[in-house]
PDB file of N, CA and C in Angstrom:
ATOM      1  N   MET A   1     -15.432   3.772  36.132  1.00  0.00           N
ATOM      2  CA  MET A   1     -15.473   3.228  34.789  1.00  0.00           C
ATOM      3  C   MET A   1     -15.079   1.758  34.829  1.00  0.00           C
ATOM      4  N   SER A   2     -15.599   1.029  33.914  1.00  0.00           N
ATOM      5  CA  SER A   2     -15.346  -0.402  33.852  1.00  0.00           C
ATOM      6  C   SER A   2     -13.955  -0.692  33.306  1.00  0.00           C
ATOM      7  N   GLU A   3     -13.320  -1.715  33.867  1.00  0.00           N
ATOM      8  CA  GLU A   3     -12.010  -2.148  33.387  1.00  0.00           C
ATOM      9  C   GLU A   3     -12.126  -2.742  31.984  1.00  0.00           C
ATOM     10  N   GLU A   4     -13.337  -3.134  31.599  1.00  0.00           N
ATOM     11  CA  GLU A   4     -13.545  -3.779  30.313  1.00  0.00           C
ATOM     12  C   GLU A   4     -13.738  -2.784  29.173  1.00  0.00           C
ATOM     13  N   LYS A   5     -13.675  -1.501  29.468  1.00  0.00           N
ATOM     14  CA  LYS A   5     -13.837  -0.493  28.424  1.00  0.00           C
ATOM     15  C   LYS A   5     -12.780  -0.727  27.353  1.00  0.00           C
ATOM     16  N   LYS A   6     -13.233  -0.826  26.115  1.00  0.00           N
ATOM     17  CA  LYS A   6     -12.321  -1.110  25.021  1.00  0.00           C
ATOM     18  C   LYS A   6     -11.466   0.106  24.709  1.00  0.00           C
ATOM     19  N   LYS A   7     -10.194  -0.140  24.487  1.00  0.00           N
ATOM     20  CA  LYS A   7      -9.287   0.914  24.083  1.00  0.00           C
ATOM     21  C   LYS A   7      -9.290   1.000  22.565  1.00  0.00           C
ATOM     22  N   PHE A   8      -9.010   2.175  22.048  1.00  0.00           N
ATOM     23  CA  PHE A   8      -8.939   2.380  20.609  1.00  0.00           C
ATOM     24  C   PHE A   8      -7.757   1.601  20.054  1.00  0.00           C
ATOM     25  N   ASP A   9      -8.012   0.775  19.062  1.00  0.00           N
ATOM     26  CA  ASP A   9      -6.973  -0.046  18.437  1.00  0.00           C
ATOM     27  C   ASP A   9      -6.648   0.544  17.069  1.00  0.00           C
ATOM     28  N   GLN A  10      -5.578   1.323  17.009  1.00  0.00           N
ATOM     29  CA  GLN A  10      -5.186   2.019  15.785  1.00  0.00           C
ATOM     30  C   GLN A  10      -4.935   1.048  14.633  1.00  0.00           C
ATOM     31  N   LYS A  11      -4.243  -0.046  14.884  1.00  0.00           N
ATOM     32  CA  LYS A  11      -3.936  -1.014  13.825  1.00  0.00           C
ATOM     33  C   LYS A  11      -5.208  -1.633  13.259  1.00  0.00           C
ATOM     34  N   ALA A  12      -6.129  -2.001  14.132  1.00  0.00           N
ATOM     35  CA  ALA A  12      -7.384  -2.593  13.679  1.00  0.00           C
ATOM     36  C   ALA A  12      -8.200  -1.571  12.891  1.00  0.00           C
ATOM     37  N   TYR A  13      -8.195  -0.319  13.344  1.00  0.00           N
ATOM     38  CA  TYR A  13      -8.913   0.738  12.640  1.00  0.00           C
ATOM     39  C   TYR A  13      -8.361   0.915  11.230  1.00  0.00           C
ATOM     40  N   ILE A  14      -7.050   0.974  11.094  1.00  0.00           N
ATOM     41  CA  ILE A  14      -6.417   1.156   9.786  1.00  0.00           C
ATOM     42  C   ILE A  14      -6.692  -0.048   8.888  1.00  0.00           C
ATOM     43  N   ALA A  15      -6.590  -1.246   9.434  1.00  0.00           N
ATOM     44  CA  ALA A  15      -6.847  -2.455   8.652  1.00  0.00           C
ATOM     45  C   ALA A  15      -8.292  -2.467   8.155  1.00  0.00           C
ATOM     46  N   ASP A  16      -9.226  -2.094   9.003  1.00  0.00           N
ATOM     47  CA  ASP A  16     -10.637  -2.051   8.626  1.00  0.00           C
ATOM     48  C   ASP A  16     -10.877  -0.980   7.564  1.00  0.00           C
ATOM     49  N   PHE A  17     -10.276   0.193   7.739  1.00  0.00           N
ATOM     50  CA  PHE A  17     -10.410   1.273   6.760  1.00  0.00           C
ATOM     51  C   PHE A  17      -9.884   0.827   5.400  1.00  0.00           C
ATOM     52  N   ASN A  18      -8.703   0.232   5.387  1.00  0.00           N
ATOM     53  CA  ASN A  18      -8.101  -0.215   4.131  1.00  0.00           C
ATOM     54  C   ASN A  18      -8.951  -1.285   3.452  1.00  0.00           C
ATOM     55  N   LYS A  19      -9.502  -2.198   4.239  1.00  0.00           N
ATOM     56  CA  LYS A  19     -10.335  -3.267   3.689  1.00  0.00           C
ATOM     57  C   LYS A  19     -11.582  -2.696   3.031  1.00  0.00           C
ATOM     58  N   LYS A  20     -12.146  -1.657   3.629  1.00  0.00           N
ATOM     59  CA  LYS A  20     -13.366  -1.048   3.095  1.00  0.00           C
ATOM     60  C   LYS A  20     -13.101  -0.136   1.896  1.00  0.00           C
ATOM     61  N   ASN A  21     -11.907   0.439   1.789  1.00  0.00           N
ATOM     62  CA  ASN A  21     -11.655   1.479   0.802  1.00  0.00           C
ATOM     63  C   ASN A  21     -10.685   1.126  -0.317  1.00  0.00           C
ATOM     64  N   TYR A  22     -10.001   0.004  -0.211  1.00  0.00           N
ATOM     65  CA  TYR A  22      -8.999  -0.347  -1.214  1.00  0.00           C
ATOM     66  C   TYR A  22      -9.125  -1.797  -1.637  1.00  0.00           C
ATOM     67  N   ASP A  23      -8.739  -2.079  -2.882  1.00  0.00           N
ATOM     68  CA  ASP A  23      -8.564  -3.444  -3.354  1.00  0.00           C
ATOM     69  C   ASP A  23      -7.076  -3.748  -3.288  1.00  0.00           C
ATOM     70  N   ARG A  24      -6.748  -5.000  -3.022  1.00  0.00           N
ATOM     71  CA  ARG A  24      -5.342  -5.412  -2.986  1.00  0.00           C
ATOM     72  C   ARG A  24      -5.023  -6.189  -4.246  1.00  0.00           C
ATOM     73  N   ILE A  25      -3.831  -5.960  -4.772  1.00  0.00           N
ATOM     74  CA  ILE A  25      -3.330  -6.700  -5.923  1.00  0.00           C
ATOM     75  C   ILE A  25      -1.931  -7.188  -5.573  1.00  0.00           C
ATOM     76  N   GLU A  26      -1.694  -8.468  -5.759  1.00  0.00           N
ATOM     77  CA  GLU A  26      -0.365  -9.008  -5.507  1.00  0.00           C
ATOM     78  C   GLU A  26       0.285  -9.298  -6.851  1.00  0.00           C
ATOM     79  N   LEU A  27       1.491  -8.795  -7.043  1.00  0.00           N
ATOM     80  CA  LEU A  27       2.235  -9.027  -8.275  1.00  0.00           C
ATOM     81  C   LEU A  27       3.431  -9.914  -7.983  1.00  0.00           C
ATOM     82  N   LYS A  28       3.663 -10.854  -8.858  1.00  0.00           N
ATOM     83  CA  LYS A  28       4.878 -11.661  -8.777  1.00  0.00           C
ATOM     84  C   LYS A  28       5.677 -11.318 -10.026  1.00  0.00           C
ATOM     85  N   VAL A  29       6.899 -10.849  -9.815  1.00  0.00           N
ATOM     86  CA  VAL A  29       7.759 -10.430 -10.922  1.00  0.00           C
ATOM     87  C   VAL A  29       9.104 -11.139 -10.799  1.00  0.00           C
ATOM     88  N   PRO A  30       9.823 -11.253 -11.908  1.00  0.00           N
ATOM     89  CA  PRO A  30      11.131 -11.892 -11.838  1.00  0.00           C
ATOM     90  C   PRO A  30      12.056 -11.166 -10.855  1.00  0.00           C
ATOM     91  N   LYS A  31      12.944 -11.930 -10.223  1.00  0.00           N
ATOM     92  CA  LYS A  31      13.911 -11.358  -9.275  1.00  0.00           C
ATOM     93  C   LYS A  31      14.627 -10.181  -9.917  1.00  0.00           C
ATOM     94  N   GLY A  32      14.787  -9.130  -9.178  1.00  0.00           N
ATOM     95  CA  GLY A  32      15.501  -7.947  -9.643  1.00  0.00           C
ATOM     96  C   GLY A  32      14.602  -6.881 -10.246  1.00  0.00           C
ATOM     97  N   MET A  33      13.408  -7.267 -10.729  1.00  0.00           N
ATOM     98  CA  MET A  33      12.522  -6.293 -11.356  1.00  0.00           C
ATOM     99  C   MET A  33      11.974  -5.300 -10.330  1.00  0.00           C
ATOM    100  N   LYS A  34      11.656  -5.782  -9.150  1.00  0.00           N
ATOM    101  CA  LYS A  34      11.130  -4.893  -8.112  1.00  0.00           C
ATOM    102  C   LYS A  34      12.134  -3.789  -7.798  1.00  0.00           C
ATOM    103  N   ALA A  35      13.400  -4.150  -7.677  1.00  0.00           N
ATOM    104  CA  ALA A  35      14.440  -3.160  -7.379  1.00  0.00           C
ATOM    105  C   ALA A  35      14.529  -2.118  -8.489  1.00  0.00           C
ATOM    106  N   LYS A  36      14.400  -2.553  -9.738  1.00  0.00           N
ATOM    107  CA  LYS A  36      14.431  -1.611 -10.862  1.00  0.00           C
ATOM    108  C   LYS A  36      13.248  -0.653 -10.789  1.00  0.00           C
ATOM    109  N   TRP A  37      12.062  -1.202 -10.509  1.00  0.00           N
ATOM    110  CA  TRP A  37      10.874  -0.361 -10.411  1.00  0.00           C
ATOM    111  C   TRP A  37      10.977   0.609  -9.240  1.00  0.00           C
ATOM    112  N   GLN A  38      11.531   0.138  -8.124  1.00  0.00           N
ATOM    113  CA  GLN A  38      11.699   1.014  -6.964  1.00  0.00           C
ATOM    114  C   GLN A  38      12.640   2.169  -7.286  1.00  0.00           C
ATOM    115  N   GLU A  39      13.668   1.902  -8.047  1.00  0.00           N
ATOM    116  CA  GLU A  39      14.607   2.957  -8.422  1.00  0.00           C
ATOM    117  C   GLU A  39      13.926   3.988  -9.320  1.00  0.00           C
ATOM    118  N   ILE A  40      13.101   3.528 -10.238  1.00  0.00           N
ATOM    119  CA  ILE A  40      12.350   4.452 -11.094  1.00  0.00           C
ATOM    120  C   ILE A  40      11.431   5.311 -10.238  1.00  0.00           C
ATOM    121  N   ALA A  41      10.714   4.685  -9.322  1.00  0.00           N
ATOM    122  CA  ALA A  41       9.795   5.417  -8.440  1.00  0.00           C
ATOM    123  C   ALA A  41      10.559   6.429  -7.594  1.00  0.00           C
ATOM    124  N   ARG A  42      11.702   6.007  -7.050  1.00  0.00           N
ATOM    125  CA  ARG A  42      12.522   6.891  -6.218  1.00  0.00           C
ATOM    126  C   ARG A  42      12.992   8.110  -7.028  1.00  0.00           C
ATOM    127  N   SER A  43      13.371   7.873  -8.290  1.00  0.00           N
ATOM    128  CA  SER A  43      13.843   8.977  -9.130  1.00  0.00           C
ATOM    129  C   SER A  43      12.722   9.960  -9.448  1.00  0.00           C
ATOM    130  N   GLU A  44      11.469   9.475  -9.403  1.00  0.00           N
ATOM    131  CA  GLU A  44      10.311  10.335  -9.635  1.00  0.00           C
ATOM    132  C   GLU A  44       9.778  10.938  -8.338  1.00  0.00           C
ATOM    133  N   GLY A  45      10.327  10.514  -7.225  1.00  0.00           N
ATOM    134  CA  GLY A  45       9.908  11.044  -5.925  1.00  0.00           C
ATOM    135  C   GLY A  45       8.559  10.540  -5.460  1.00  0.00           C
ATOM    136  N   VAL A  46       8.191   9.317  -5.878  1.00  0.00           N
ATOM    137  CA  VAL A  46       6.905   8.739  -5.475  1.00  0.00           C
ATOM    138  C   VAL A  46       7.125   7.323  -4.965  1.00  0.00           C
ATOM    139  N   SER A  47       6.084   6.765  -4.372  1.00  0.00           N
ATOM    140  CA  SER A  47       6.152   5.383  -3.908  1.00  0.00           C
ATOM    141  C   SER A  47       6.055   4.439  -5.099  1.00  0.00           C
ATOM    142  N   LEU A  48       6.435   3.195  -4.885  1.00  0.00           N
ATOM    143  CA  LEU A  48       6.331   2.187  -5.935  1.00  0.00           C
ATOM    144  C   LEU A  48       4.873   2.032  -6.363  1.00  0.00           C
ATOM    145  N   THR A  49       3.968   2.023  -5.414  1.00  0.00           N
ATOM    146  CA  THR A  49       2.539   1.905  -5.726  1.00  0.00           C
ATOM    147  C   THR A  49       2.090   3.057  -6.611  1.00  0.00           C
ATOM    148  N   GLU A  50       2.455   4.276  -6.234  1.00  0.00           N
ATOM    149  CA  GLU A  50       2.060   5.451  -7.016  1.00  0.00           C
ATOM    150  C   GLU A  50       2.649   5.383  -8.424  1.00  0.00           C
ATOM    151  N   CYS A  51       3.885   4.962  -8.546  1.00  0.00           N
ATOM    152  CA  CYS A  51       4.550   4.834  -9.842  1.00  0.00           C
ATOM    153  C   CYS A  51       3.789   3.849 -10.744  1.00  0.00           C
ATOM    154  N   ILE A  52       3.448   2.693 -10.213  1.00  0.00           N
ATOM    155  CA  ILE A  52       2.715   1.679 -10.976  1.00  0.00           C
ATOM    156  C   ILE A  52       1.339   2.198 -11.348  1.00  0.00           C
ATOM    157  N   MET A  53       0.641   2.836 -10.405  1.00  0.00           N
ATOM    158  CA  MET A  53      -0.705   3.346 -10.681  1.00  0.00           C
ATOM    159  C   MET A  53      -0.684   4.389 -11.787  1.00  0.00           C
ATOM    160  N   ARG A  54       0.290   5.289 -11.765  1.00  0.00           N
ATOM    161  CA  ARG A  54       0.386   6.311 -12.818  1.00  0.00           C
ATOM    162  C   ARG A  54       0.554   5.665 -14.191  1.00  0.00           C
ATOM    163  N   ARG A  55       1.401   4.678 -14.265  1.00  0.00           N
ATOM    164  CA  ARG A  55       1.635   4.029 -15.554  1.00  0.00           C
ATOM    165  C   ARG A  55       0.415   3.265 -16.029  1.00  0.00           C
ATOM    166  N   MET A  56      -0.306   2.652 -15.140  1.00  0.00           N
ATOM    167  CA  MET A  56      -1.518   1.941 -15.534  1.00  0.00           C
ATOM    168  C   MET A  56      -2.594   2.912 -16.006  1.00  0.00           C
ATOM    169  N   GLN A  57      -2.669   4.090 -15.407  1.00  0.00           N
ATOM    170  CA  GLN A  57      -3.662   5.078 -15.830  1.00  0.00           C
ATOM    171  C   GLN A  57      -3.301   5.667 -17.194  1.00  0.00           C
ATOM    172  N   GLU A  58      -2.018   5.668 -17.526  1.00  0.00           N
ATOM    173  CA  GLU A  58      -1.578   6.173 -18.828  1.00  0.00           C
ATOM    174  C   GLU A  58      -1.868   5.174 -19.938  1.00  0.00           C
ATOM    175  N   ALA A  59      -1.969   3.893 -19.595  1.00  0.00           N
ATOM    176  CA  ALA A  59      -2.138   2.833 -20.599  1.00  0.00           C
ATOM    177  C   ALA A  59      -3.518   2.883 -21.247  1.00  0.00           C
TER     178      ALA A  59
END
C-alpha cells in the first residue's frame, strides 16, 4: 500500500458535516447574561443551544 494513502480525518469530517447541515449564529450579549442563560439551560437539563432554540420556536 502507498504511504500517501489518506487517513480518515475525524475533525475535518465533522467540520464538513456541520457546514453542510447547520447555519451558525453568533450572539453578542451583555456580560453576565450568558451565565444566566446557561444556568437556566442547566436547570432544564439541556444545552444552552437547545434552550435558546426551544424559546425561539415558542415565539
